[in-house]
Amino acid sequence: MRGREHAPRDGHVTSGLVDAWASGDAYERYMGRWSRPVAAQFVEWLARRRGASWLDVGCGTGALSETILERASPGRVVGVDLSFDYLKVAKRRLTSAGVRFIVTRAQQLPFPAEAFDAVVSGLALNFVPTPGAVVSEMRRAARKGAVVAVYLWDYAEAMQLIRYFWDAAVALDKDAATMDEGQRFPLCSPDPLEALFRESGLDDVDTRPIEVPTPFTDFDDYWLPFLGAQGPAPGYAMTLSEERRGRLRETIRHALPVAKDGSIALTARAWAVRGTKPR
């Protein structure tokens, strides 16, 4: 089964499917809160100098940009995304003088060559139709010797909150597999990411896993964000009838490791890759 047609992060259909990216606030409740602890480890891994200029490609609601501001002491941060609503949330949350946000396509960055000391992207590259073109644009915007880096969820194995959802969905509806990010996005693993960066002409390419806890206070804390229709899993959930969505909800509820106090302790893994632009 396919979701209703919405514009994805870059305005294009990915793998013949469409994903919903229309509400920044709903995305924050669903995924933005989990991106921040991953972003913290990612920024520390990059270890850029104080005062560096950063470009955040596919910045969404600003989780990675916010982390850069908090942890990297940048000279400036520029975030770009195609979603007006997501950038509206980012601008509302991040108001310091050192950051600005621009609506634009990742494949056509409106910056001169060699403009930034670090060009990064979080949780976006798998949603564009031509990841190689985006990495090439990121490389072009980076100064010689600058870092280019990306992180993506490990949808196929270790992004547990989404794996529980799709395992249950496919058990109830085999056609749901066409929207499962674990199947749709083979890029989200270390070997394809490393190959993509090397093919884009970057040096010193390195990958690493980043694992973070994703605790939920109760089942509603887990389930309700899936009703916000942001991204493939929530988009799929909201195409279902009330009866079928209820069956899916209860199938997931019985599968989750719910503690006696009702809390649910899950973990999430992202894969990060970095390279440097040749001098």
C-alpha atoms as a PDB file:
ATOM      1  CA  MET A   1       0.000   0.000   0.000  1.00  0.00           C
ATOM      2  CA  ARG A   2       1.225   3.479  -0.784  1.00  0.00           C
ATOM      3  CA  GLY A   3       0.731   6.608   1.215  1.00  0.00           C
ATOM      4  CA  ARG A   4      -1.147   9.658   0.052  1.00  0.00           C
ATOM      5  CA  GLU A   5       0.806  11.947  -2.205  1.00  0.00           C
ATOM      6  CA  HIS A   6       2.770  14.644  -0.409  1.00  0.00           C
ATOM      7  CA  ALA A   7       5.950  16.486  -1.309  1.00  0.00           C
ATOM      8  CA  PRO A   8       9.064  14.809   0.137  1.00  0.00           C
ATOM      9  CA  ARG A   9      11.986  16.705   1.672  1.00  0.00           C
ATOM     10  CA  ASP A  10      13.498  17.702  -1.684  1.00  0.00           C
ATOM     11  CA  GLY A  11      10.253  18.020  -3.633  1.00  0.00           C
ATOM     12  CA  HIS A  12      10.723  14.787  -5.591  1.00  0.00           C
ATOM     13  CA  VAL A  13       9.302  11.292  -5.444  1.00  0.00           C
ATOM     14  CA  THR A  14      11.737   8.733  -4.017  1.00  0.00           C
ATOM     15  CA  SER A  15      11.631   5.160  -5.303  1.00  0.00           C
ATOM     16  CA  GLY A  16       8.208   5.788  -6.818  1.00  0.00           C
ATOM     17  CA  LEU A  17       6.773   6.651  -3.391  1.00  0.00           C
ATOM     18  CA  VAL A  18       5.867   9.880  -1.685  1.00  0.00           C
ATOM     19  CA  ASP A  19       6.487  11.001   1.885  1.00  0.00           C
ATOM     20  CA  ALA A  20       4.782  13.666   3.946  1.00  0.00           C
ATOM     21  CA  TRP A  21       6.839  16.637   5.171  1.00  0.00           C
ATOM     22  CA  ALA A  22       4.253  19.315   5.876  1.00  0.00           C
ATOM     23  CA  SER A  23       4.306  19.983   9.637  1.00  0.00           C
ATOM     24  CA  GLY A  24       7.498  20.903  11.440  1.00  0.00           C
ATOM     25  CA  ASP A  25       5.859  20.663  14.858  1.00  0.00           C
ATOM     26  CA  ALA A  26       4.561  17.152  14.144  1.00  0.00           C
ATOM     27  CA  TYR A  27       8.013  16.122  12.937  1.00  0.00           C
ATOM     28  CA  GLU A  28       9.564  17.404  16.158  1.00  0.00           C
ATOM     29  CA  ARG A  29       7.288  15.133  18.193  1.00  0.00           C
ATOM     30  CA  TYR A  30       7.959  12.167  15.924  1.00  0.00           C
ATOM     31  CA  MET A  31      11.676  12.322  15.095  1.00  0.00           C
ATOM     32  CA  GLY A  32      13.273  15.680  15.863  1.00  0.00           C
ATOM     33  CA  ARG A  33      13.654  14.895  19.575  1.00  0.00           C
ATOM     34  CA  TRP A  34      15.701  11.782  18.759  1.00  0.00           C
ATOM     35  CA  SER A  35      17.892  13.511  16.206  1.00  0.00           C
ATOM     36  CA  ARG A  36      19.418  15.831  18.814  1.00  0.00           C
ATOM     37  CA  PRO A  37      21.374  13.244  20.862  1.00  0.00           C
ATOM     38  CA  VAL A  38      22.697  11.742  17.617  1.00  0.00           C
ATOM     39  CA  ALA A  39      23.657  15.208  16.387  1.00  0.00           C
ATOM     40  CA  ALA A  40      25.604  15.842  19.599  1.00  0.00           C
ATOM     41  CA  GLN A  41      27.855  12.819  19.051  1.00  0.00           C
ATOM     42  CA  PHE A  42      28.120  13.623  15.341  1.00  0.00           C
ATOM     43  CA  VAL A  43      29.312  17.205  15.903  1.00  0.00           C
ATOM     44  CA  GLU A  44      31.836  16.106  18.535  1.00  0.00           C
ATOM     45  CA  TRP A  45      33.179  13.464  16.113  1.00  0.00           C
ATOM     46  CA  LEU A  46      33.800  16.130  13.463  1.00  0.00           C
ATOM     47  CA  ALA A  47      35.838  18.254  15.912  1.00  0.00           C
ATOM     48  CA  ARG A  48      35.854  21.501  13.943  1.00  0.00           C
ATOM     49  CA  ARG A  49      37.714  24.591  15.133  1.00  0.00           C
ATOM     50  CA  ARG A  50      35.968  27.452  16.914  1.00  0.00           C
ATOM     51  CA  GLY A  51      34.705  30.130  14.553  1.00  0.00           C
ATOM     52  CA  ALA A  52      34.238  27.766  11.599  1.00  0.00           C
ATOM     53  CA  SER A  53      31.469  28.320   9.046  1.00  0.00           C
ATOM     54  CA  TRP A  54      28.935  25.484   8.748  1.00  0.00           C
ATOM     55  CA  LEU A  55      26.347  24.566   6.109  1.00  0.00           C
ATOM     56  CA  ASP A  56      23.515  22.245   7.208  1.00  0.00           C
ATOM     57  CA  VAL A  57      21.906  20.650   4.121  1.00  0.00           C
ATOM     58  CA  GLY A  58      18.344  19.382   4.560  1.00  0.00           C
ATOM     59  CA  CYS A  59      18.257  21.034   7.971  1.00  0.00           C
ATOM     60  CA  GLY A  60      14.552  20.396   8.596  1.00  0.00           C
ATOM     61  CA  THR A  61      13.428  21.853  11.927  1.00  0.00           C
ATOM     62  CA  GLY A  62      17.003  22.694  12.902  1.00  0.00           C
ATOM     63  CA  ALA A  63      18.100  19.897  15.256  1.00  0.00           C
ATOM     64  CA  LEU A  64      21.604  19.640  13.790  1.00  0.00           C
ATOM     65  CA  SER A  65      21.977  23.416  13.369  1.00  0.00           C
ATOM     66  CA  GLU A  66      21.008  23.881  17.013  1.00  0.00           C
ATOM     67  CA  THR A  67      23.602  21.338  18.119  1.00  0.00           C
ATOM     68  CA  ILE A  68      26.308  23.034  16.064  1.00  0.00           C
ATOM     69  CA  LEU A  69      25.471  26.358  17.744  1.00  0.00           C
ATOM     70  CA  GLU A  70      25.551  24.779  21.202  1.00  0.00           C
ATOM     71  CA  ARG A  71      28.621  22.581  20.865  1.00  0.00           C
ATOM     72  CA  ALA A  72      30.902  23.831  18.095  1.00  0.00           C
ATOM     73  CA  SER A  73      31.185  27.599  18.751  1.00  0.00           C
ATOM     74  CA  PRO A  74      30.748  28.348  15.036  1.00  0.00           C
ATOM     75  CA  GLY A  75      31.334  31.640  13.288  1.00  0.00           C
ATOM     76  CA  ARG A  76      28.147  31.118  11.314  1.00  0.00           C
ATOM     77  CA  VAL A  77      25.611  28.411  10.513  1.00  0.00           C
ATOM     78  CA  VAL A  78      23.475  28.332   7.379  1.00  0.00           C
ATOM     79  CA  GLY A  79      20.655  25.797   7.134  1.00  0.00           C
ATOM     80  CA  VAL A  80      18.898  24.939   3.877  1.00  0.00           C
ATOM     81  CA  ASP A  81      15.733  22.911   3.262  1.00  0.00           C
ATOM     82  CA  LEU A  82      12.886  22.840   0.764  1.00  0.00           C
ATOM     83  CA  SER A  83      10.115  22.781   3.387  1.00  0.00           C
ATOM     84  CA  PHE A  84       8.812  26.244   4.281  1.00  0.00           C
ATOM     85  CA  ASP A  85       7.024  24.861   7.342  1.00  0.00           C
ATOM     86  CA  TYR A  86      10.084  23.070   8.696  1.00  0.00           C
ATOM     87  CA  LEU A  87      12.200  26.187   8.297  1.00  0.00           C
ATOM     88  CA  LYS A  88       9.494  28.224  10.009  1.00  0.00           C
ATOM     89  CA  VAL A  89       9.932  25.980  13.063  1.00  0.00           C
ATOM     90  CA  ALA A  90      13.722  26.254  12.825  1.00  0.00           C
ATOM     91  CA  LYS A  91      13.584  30.055  12.638  1.00  0.00           C
ATOM     92  CA  ARG A  92      11.196  30.214  15.595  1.00  0.00           C
ATOM     93  CA  ARG A  93      13.487  28.079  17.741  1.00  0.00           C
ATOM     94  CA  LEU A  94      16.892  29.419  16.686  1.00  0.00           C
ATOM     95  CA  THR A  95      17.145  33.180  16.764  1.00  0.00           C
ATOM     96  CA  SER A  96      20.828  33.906  17.391  1.00  0.00           C
ATOM     97  CA  ALA A  97      22.640  36.264  15.062  1.00  0.00           C
ATOM     98  CA  GLY A  98      25.005  33.538  13.853  1.00  0.00           C
ATOM     99  CA  VAL A  99      22.383  31.403  12.095  1.00  0.00           C
ATOM    100  CA  ARG A 100      20.137  31.834   9.064  1.00  0.00           C
ATOM    101  CA  PHE A 101      17.887  29.543   7.060  1.00  0.00           C
ATOM    102  CA  ILE A 102      17.208  29.447   3.320  1.00  0.00           C
ATOM    103  CA  VAL A 103      14.583  27.614   1.274  1.00  0.00           C
ATOM    104  CA  THR A 104      16.392  25.858  -1.570  1.00  0.00           C
ATOM    105  CA  ARG A 105      17.078  22.528  -3.236  1.00  0.00           C
ATOM    106  CA  ALA A 106      19.968  20.412  -1.976  1.00  0.00           C
ATOM    107  CA  GLN A 107      21.029  19.660  -5.554  1.00  0.00           C
ATOM    108  CA  GLN A 108      21.460  23.364  -6.364  1.00  0.00           C
ATOM    109  CA  LEU A 109      22.999  25.086  -3.371  1.00  0.00           C
ATOM    110  CA  PRO A 110      23.001  28.892  -3.808  1.00  0.00           C
ATOM    111  CA  PHE A 111      26.565  29.386  -2.591  1.00  0.00           C
ATOM    112  CA  PRO A 112      29.893  29.908  -4.321  1.00  0.00           C
ATOM    113  CA  ALA A 113      32.473  27.145  -4.355  1.00  0.00           C
ATOM    114  CA  GLU A 114      34.618  26.710  -1.233  1.00  0.00           C
ATOM    115  CA  ALA A 115      32.377  28.813   1.006  1.00  0.00           C
ATOM    116  CA  PHE A 116      32.239  26.662   4.183  1.00  0.00           C
ATOM    117  CA  ASP A 117      34.578  24.944   6.630  1.00  0.00           C
ATOM    118  CA  ALA A 118      32.086  22.130   7.315  1.00  0.00           C
ATOM    119  CA  VAL A 119      29.214  20.934   5.122  1.00  0.00           C
ATOM    120  CA  VAL A 120      26.902  18.486   6.893  1.00  0.00           C
ATOM    121  CA  SER A 121      23.513  16.809   6.644  1.00  0.00           C
ATOM    122  CA  GLY A 122      21.394  14.862   9.107  1.00  0.00           C
ATOM    123  CA  LEU A 123      18.630  12.351   8.308  1.00  0.00           C
ATOM    124  CA  ALA A 124      17.934  13.748   4.838  1.00  0.00           C
ATOM    125  CA  LEU A 125      20.234  12.266   2.182  1.00  0.00           C
ATOM    126  CA  ASN A 126      18.256   9.031   1.748  1.00  0.00           C
ATOM    127  CA  PHE A 127      15.126  11.015   0.827  1.00  0.00           C
ATOM    128  CA  VAL A 128      16.622  12.735  -2.224  1.00  0.00           C
ATOM    129  CA  PRO A 129      16.414  11.033  -5.648  1.00  0.00           C
ATOM    130  CA  THR A 130      20.097  11.622  -6.466  1.00  0.00           C
ATOM    131  CA  PRO A 131      22.257  11.369  -3.315  1.00  0.00           C
ATOM    132  CA  GLY A 132      25.439  11.501  -5.379  1.00  0.00           C
ATOM    133  CA  ALA A 133      24.459  14.869  -6.841  1.00  0.00           C
ATOM    134  CA  VAL A 134      23.798  16.248  -3.366  1.00  0.00           C
ATOM    135  CA  VAL A 135      27.147  15.036  -1.991  1.00  0.00           C
ATOM    136  CA  SER A 136      28.873  16.557  -5.033  1.00  0.00           C
ATOM    137  CA  GLU A 137      27.170  19.886  -4.263  1.00  0.00           C
ATOM    138  CA  MET A 138      28.192  19.595  -0.617  1.00  0.00           C
ATOM    139  CA  ARG A 139      31.784  18.943  -1.736  1.00  0.00           C
ATOM    140  CA  ARG A 140      31.680  21.967  -4.067  1.00  0.00           C
ATOM    141  CA  ALA A 141      30.503  24.246  -1.255  1.00  0.00           C
ATOM    142  CA  ALA A 142      33.265  23.026   1.091  1.00  0.00           C
ATOM    143  CA  ARG A 143      36.643  24.709   1.281  1.00  0.00           C
ATOM    144  CA  LYS A 144      39.755  22.696   0.471  1.00  0.00           C
ATOM    145  CA  GLY A 145      40.570  20.560   3.484  1.00  0.00           C
ATOM    146  CA  ALA A 146      37.042  21.060   4.899  1.00  0.00           C
ATOM    147  CA  VAL A 147      34.916  18.219   6.227  1.00  0.00           C
ATOM    148  CA  VAL A 148      31.812  16.893   4.457  1.00  0.00           C
ATOM    149  CA  ALA A 149      29.696  14.608   6.657  1.00  0.00           C
ATOM    150  CA  VAL A 150      26.272  12.939   6.883  1.00  0.00           C
ATOM    151  CA  TYR A 151      24.315  10.781   9.301  1.00  0.00           C
ATOM    152  CA  LEU A 152      21.285   8.559   8.538  1.00  0.00           C
ATOM    153  CA  TRP A 153      19.147   6.210  10.616  1.00  0.00           C
ATOM    154  CA  ASP A 154      19.901   2.492  10.403  1.00  0.00           C
ATOM    155  CA  TYR A 155      16.335   1.740   9.345  1.00  0.00           C
ATOM    156  CA  ALA A 156      16.941  -1.892   8.410  1.00  0.00           C
ATOM    157  CA  GLU A 157      18.278  -3.070  11.761  1.00  0.00           C
ATOM    158  CA  ALA A 158      18.721  -0.780  14.719  1.00  0.00           C
ATOM    159  CA  MET A 159      16.288   2.142  14.555  1.00  0.00           C
ATOM    160  CA  GLN A 160      13.972   0.279  16.907  1.00  0.00           C
ATOM    161  CA  LEU A 161      10.988   2.606  17.121  1.00  0.00           C
ATOM    162  CA  ILE A 162      10.539   2.374  13.354  1.00  0.00           C
ATOM    163  CA  ARG A 163      11.425  -1.340  13.120  1.00  0.00           C
ATOM    164  CA  TYR A 164       8.658  -2.276  15.573  1.00  0.00           C
ATOM    165  CA  PHE A 165       6.238  -0.257  13.457  1.00  0.00           C
ATOM    166  CA  TRP A 166       7.126  -1.808  10.091  1.00  0.00           C
ATOM    167  CA  ASP A 167       7.481  -5.360  11.393  1.00  0.00           C
ATOM    168  CA  ALA A 168       3.921  -5.119  12.677  1.00  0.00           C
ATOM    169  CA  ALA A 169       2.638  -3.324   9.577  1.00  0.00           C
ATOM    170  CA  VAL A 170       4.073  -5.908   7.182  1.00  0.00           C
ATOM    171  CA  ALA A 171       2.738  -8.763   9.328  1.00  0.00           C
ATOM    172  CA  LEU A 172      -0.744  -7.319   8.842  1.00  0.00           C
ATOM    173  CA  ASP A 173      -0.340  -6.067   5.265  1.00  0.00           C
ATOM    174  CA  LYS A 174       2.421  -7.466   3.050  1.00  0.00           C
ATOM    175  CA  ASP A 175       2.046  -4.487   0.692  1.00  0.00           C
ATOM    176  CA  ALA A 176       3.283  -2.220   3.496  1.00  0.00           C
ATOM    177  CA  ALA A 177       6.803  -3.461   2.734  1.00  0.00           C
ATOM    178  CA  THR A 178       6.955  -1.060  -0.219  1.00  0.00           C
ATOM    179  CA  MET A 179       7.099   1.863   2.242  1.00  0.00           C
ATOM    180  CA  ASP A 180       9.419   0.277   4.831  1.00  0.00           C
ATOM    181  CA  GLU A 181      12.514   2.511   5.063  1.00  0.00           C
ATOM    182  CA  GLY A 182      14.615  -0.553   5.817  1.00  0.00           C
ATOM    183  CA  GLN A 183      13.897  -1.840   2.321  1.00  0.00           C
ATOM    184  CA  ARG A 184      13.590   1.469   0.509  1.00  0.00           C
ATOM    185  CA  PHE A 185      16.896   2.958   1.628  1.00  0.00           C
ATOM    186  CA  PRO A 186      19.902   0.624   1.198  1.00  0.00           C
ATOM    187  CA  LEU A 187      22.075   3.765   1.392  1.00  0.00           C
ATOM    188  CA  CYS A 188      21.574   3.806   5.174  1.00  0.00           C
ATOM    189  CA  SER A 189      24.443   1.459   6.016  1.00  0.00           C
ATOM    190  CA  PRO A 190      28.212   1.939   6.211  1.00  0.00           C
ATOM    191  CA  ASP A 191      29.447   0.346   2.980  1.00  0.00           C
ATOM    192  CA  PRO A 192      27.127   2.267   0.588  1.00  0.00           C
ATOM    193  CA  LEU A 193      27.756   5.522   2.454  1.00  0.00           C
ATOM    194  CA  GLU A 194      31.507   5.077   2.309  1.00  0.00           C
ATOM    195  CA  ALA A 195      31.354   4.166  -1.392  1.00  0.00           C
ATOM    196  CA  LEU A 196      29.223   7.237  -2.143  1.00  0.00           C
ATOM    197  CA  PHE A 197      31.696   9.569  -0.446  1.00  0.00           C
ATOM    198  CA  ARG A 198      34.707   8.022  -2.162  1.00  0.00           C
ATOM    199  CA  GLU A 199      32.987   8.201  -5.558  1.00  0.00           C
ATOM    200  CA  SER A 200      32.285  11.893  -4.882  1.00  0.00           C
ATOM    201  CA  GLY A 201      36.013  12.585  -4.676  1.00  0.00           C
ATOM    202  CA  LEU A 202      36.391  12.986  -0.915  1.00  0.00           C
ATOM    203  CA  ASP A 203      39.522  11.889   0.950  1.00  0.00           C
ATOM    204  CA  ASP A 204      40.014  10.238   4.360  1.00  0.00           C
ATOM    205  CA  VAL A 205      36.520   8.725   4.279  1.00  0.00           C
ATOM    206  CA  ASP A 206      35.439   7.176   7.575  1.00  0.00           C
ATOM    207  CA  THR A 207      32.177   5.759   8.948  1.00  0.00           C
ATOM    208  CA  ARG A 208      30.946   5.050  12.453  1.00  0.00           C
ATOM    209  CA  PRO A 209      27.750   4.032  14.258  1.00  0.00           C
ATOM    210  CA  ILE A 210      26.069   6.414  16.678  1.00  0.00           C
ATOM    211  CA  GLU A 211      23.701   4.794  19.180  1.00  0.00           C
ATOM    212  CA  VAL A 212      21.350   6.652  21.506  1.00  0.00           C
ATOM    213  CA  PRO A 213      18.532   5.660  23.878  1.00  0.00           C
ATOM    214  CA  THR A 214      14.983   6.499  22.793  1.00  0.00           C
ATOM    215  CA  PRO A 215      12.906   6.114  25.975  1.00  0.00           C
ATOM    216  CA  PHE A 216       9.132   6.527  25.990  1.00  0.00           C
ATOM    217  CA  THR A 217       7.138   7.260  29.136  1.00  0.00           C
ATOM    218  CA  ASP A 218       4.256   5.047  28.001  1.00  0.00           C
ATOM    219  CA  PHE A 219       2.648   3.608  24.876  1.00  0.00           C
ATOM    220  CA  ASP A 220       0.901   6.871  23.969  1.00  0.00           C
ATOM    221  CA  ASP A 221       4.267   8.625  23.992  1.00  0.00           C
ATOM    222  CA  TYR A 222       5.417   6.073  21.421  1.00  0.00           C
ATOM    223  CA  TRP A 223       2.240   5.845  19.321  1.00  0.00           C
ATOM    224  CA  LEU A 224       0.747   9.332  19.090  1.00  0.00           C
ATOM    225  CA  PRO A 225       3.617  10.826  17.009  1.00  0.00           C
ATOM    226  CA  PHE A 226       2.792   8.261  14.305  1.00  0.00           C
ATOM    227  CA  LEU A 227      -0.537  10.067  13.868  1.00  0.00           C
ATOM    228  CA  GLY A 228       1.214  13.252  12.723  1.00  0.00           C
ATOM    229  CA  ALA A 229       1.649  12.019   9.108  1.00  0.00           C
ATOM    230  CA  GLN A 230       5.310  13.094   8.868  1.00  0.00           C
ATOM    231  CA  GLY A 231       7.495  10.649   6.964  1.00  0.00           C
ATOM    232  CA  PRO A 232       6.860   7.152   5.586  1.00  0.00           C
ATOM    233  CA  ALA A 233       5.651   5.321   8.702  1.00  0.00           C
ATOM    234  CA  PRO A 234       3.236   7.994   9.981  1.00  0.00           C
ATOM    235  CA  GLY A 235       2.173   8.651   6.389  1.00  0.00           C
ATOM    236  CA  TYR A 236       1.294   4.984   5.993  1.00  0.00           C
ATOM    237  CA  ALA A 237      -0.529   4.856   9.334  1.00  0.00           C
ATOM    238  CA  MET A 238      -2.784   7.728   8.346  1.00  0.00           C
ATOM    239  CA  THR A 239      -3.850   6.042   5.094  1.00  0.00           C
ATOM    240  CA  LEU A 240      -5.430   3.202   7.093  1.00  0.00           C
ATOM    241  CA  SER A 241      -9.025   3.001   8.181  1.00  0.00           C
ATOM    242  CA  GLU A 242      -9.689   3.458  11.899  1.00  0.00           C
ATOM    243  CA  GLU A 243     -10.215  -0.301  12.221  1.00  0.00           C
ATOM    244  CA  ARG A 244      -6.973  -1.257  10.474  1.00  0.00           C
ATOM    245  CA  ARG A 245      -5.001   1.443  12.299  1.00  0.00           C
ATOM    246  CA  GLY A 246      -6.379   0.068  15.573  1.00  0.00           C
ATOM    247  CA  ARG A 247      -5.187  -3.440  14.650  1.00  0.00           C
ATOM    248  CA  LEU A 248      -1.757  -2.058  13.842  1.00  0.00           C
ATOM    249  CA  ARG A 249      -1.638  -0.124  17.119  1.00  0.00           C
ATOM    250  CA  GLU A 250      -2.485  -3.189  19.198  1.00  0.00           C
ATOM    251  CA  THR A 251      -0.045  -5.430  17.300  1.00  0.00           C
ATOM    252  CA  ILE A 252       2.763  -2.983  18.053  1.00  0.00           C
ATOM    253  CA  ARG A 253       1.647  -2.583  21.674  1.00  0.00           C
ATOM    254  CA  HIS A 254       1.914  -6.340  22.285  1.00  0.00           C
ATOM    255  CA  ALA A 255       5.346  -6.520  20.611  1.00  0.00           C
ATOM    256  CA  LEU A 256       7.021  -3.639  22.454  1.00  0.00           C
ATOM    257  CA  PRO A 257       9.089  -4.283  25.609  1.00  0.00           C
ATOM    258  CA  VAL A 258       6.800  -2.435  28.026  1.00  0.00           C
ATOM    259  CA  ALA A 259       8.084  -2.246  31.623  1.00  0.00           C
ATOM    260  CA  LYS A 260       5.872  -2.667  34.690  1.00  0.00           C
ATOM    261  CA  ASP A 261       5.580   1.107  35.069  1.00  0.00           C
ATOM    262  CA  GLY A 262       4.450   1.396  31.430  1.00  0.00           C
ATOM    263  CA  SER A 263       7.702   2.870  30.131  1.00  0.00           C
ATOM    264  CA  ILE A 264       9.348   1.598  26.952  1.00  0.00           C
ATOM    265  CA  ALA A 265      13.139   1.577  26.639  1.00  0.00           C
ATOM    266  CA  LEU A 266      14.291   1.447  23.018  1.00  0.00           C
ATOM    267  CA  THR A 267      17.502   2.427  21.258  1.00  0.00           C
ATOM    268  CA  ALA A 268      18.308   3.955  17.899  1.00  0.00           C
ATOM    269  CA  ARG A 269      21.388   3.673  15.729  1.00  0.00           C
ATOM    270  CA  ALA A 270      22.491   6.023  13.003  1.00  0.00           C
ATOM    271  CA  TRP A 271      25.366   5.583  10.577  1.00  0.00           C
ATOM    272  CA  ALA A 272      27.652   8.580  10.105  1.00  0.00           C
ATOM    273  CA  VAL A 273      30.170   9.156   7.338  1.00  0.00           C
ATOM    274  CA  ARG A 274      32.746  11.911   6.905  1.00  0.00           C
ATOM    275  CA  GLY A 275      35.382  12.842   4.340  1.00  0.00           C
ATOM    276  CA  THR A 276      37.585  15.793   3.534  1.00  0.00           C
ATOM    277  CA  LYS A 277      37.764  17.844   0.358  1.00  0.00           C
ATOM    278  CA  PRO A 278      41.194  17.433  -1.278  1.00  0.00           C
ATOM    279  CA  ARG A 279      43.550  20.359  -0.889  1.00  0.00           C
END
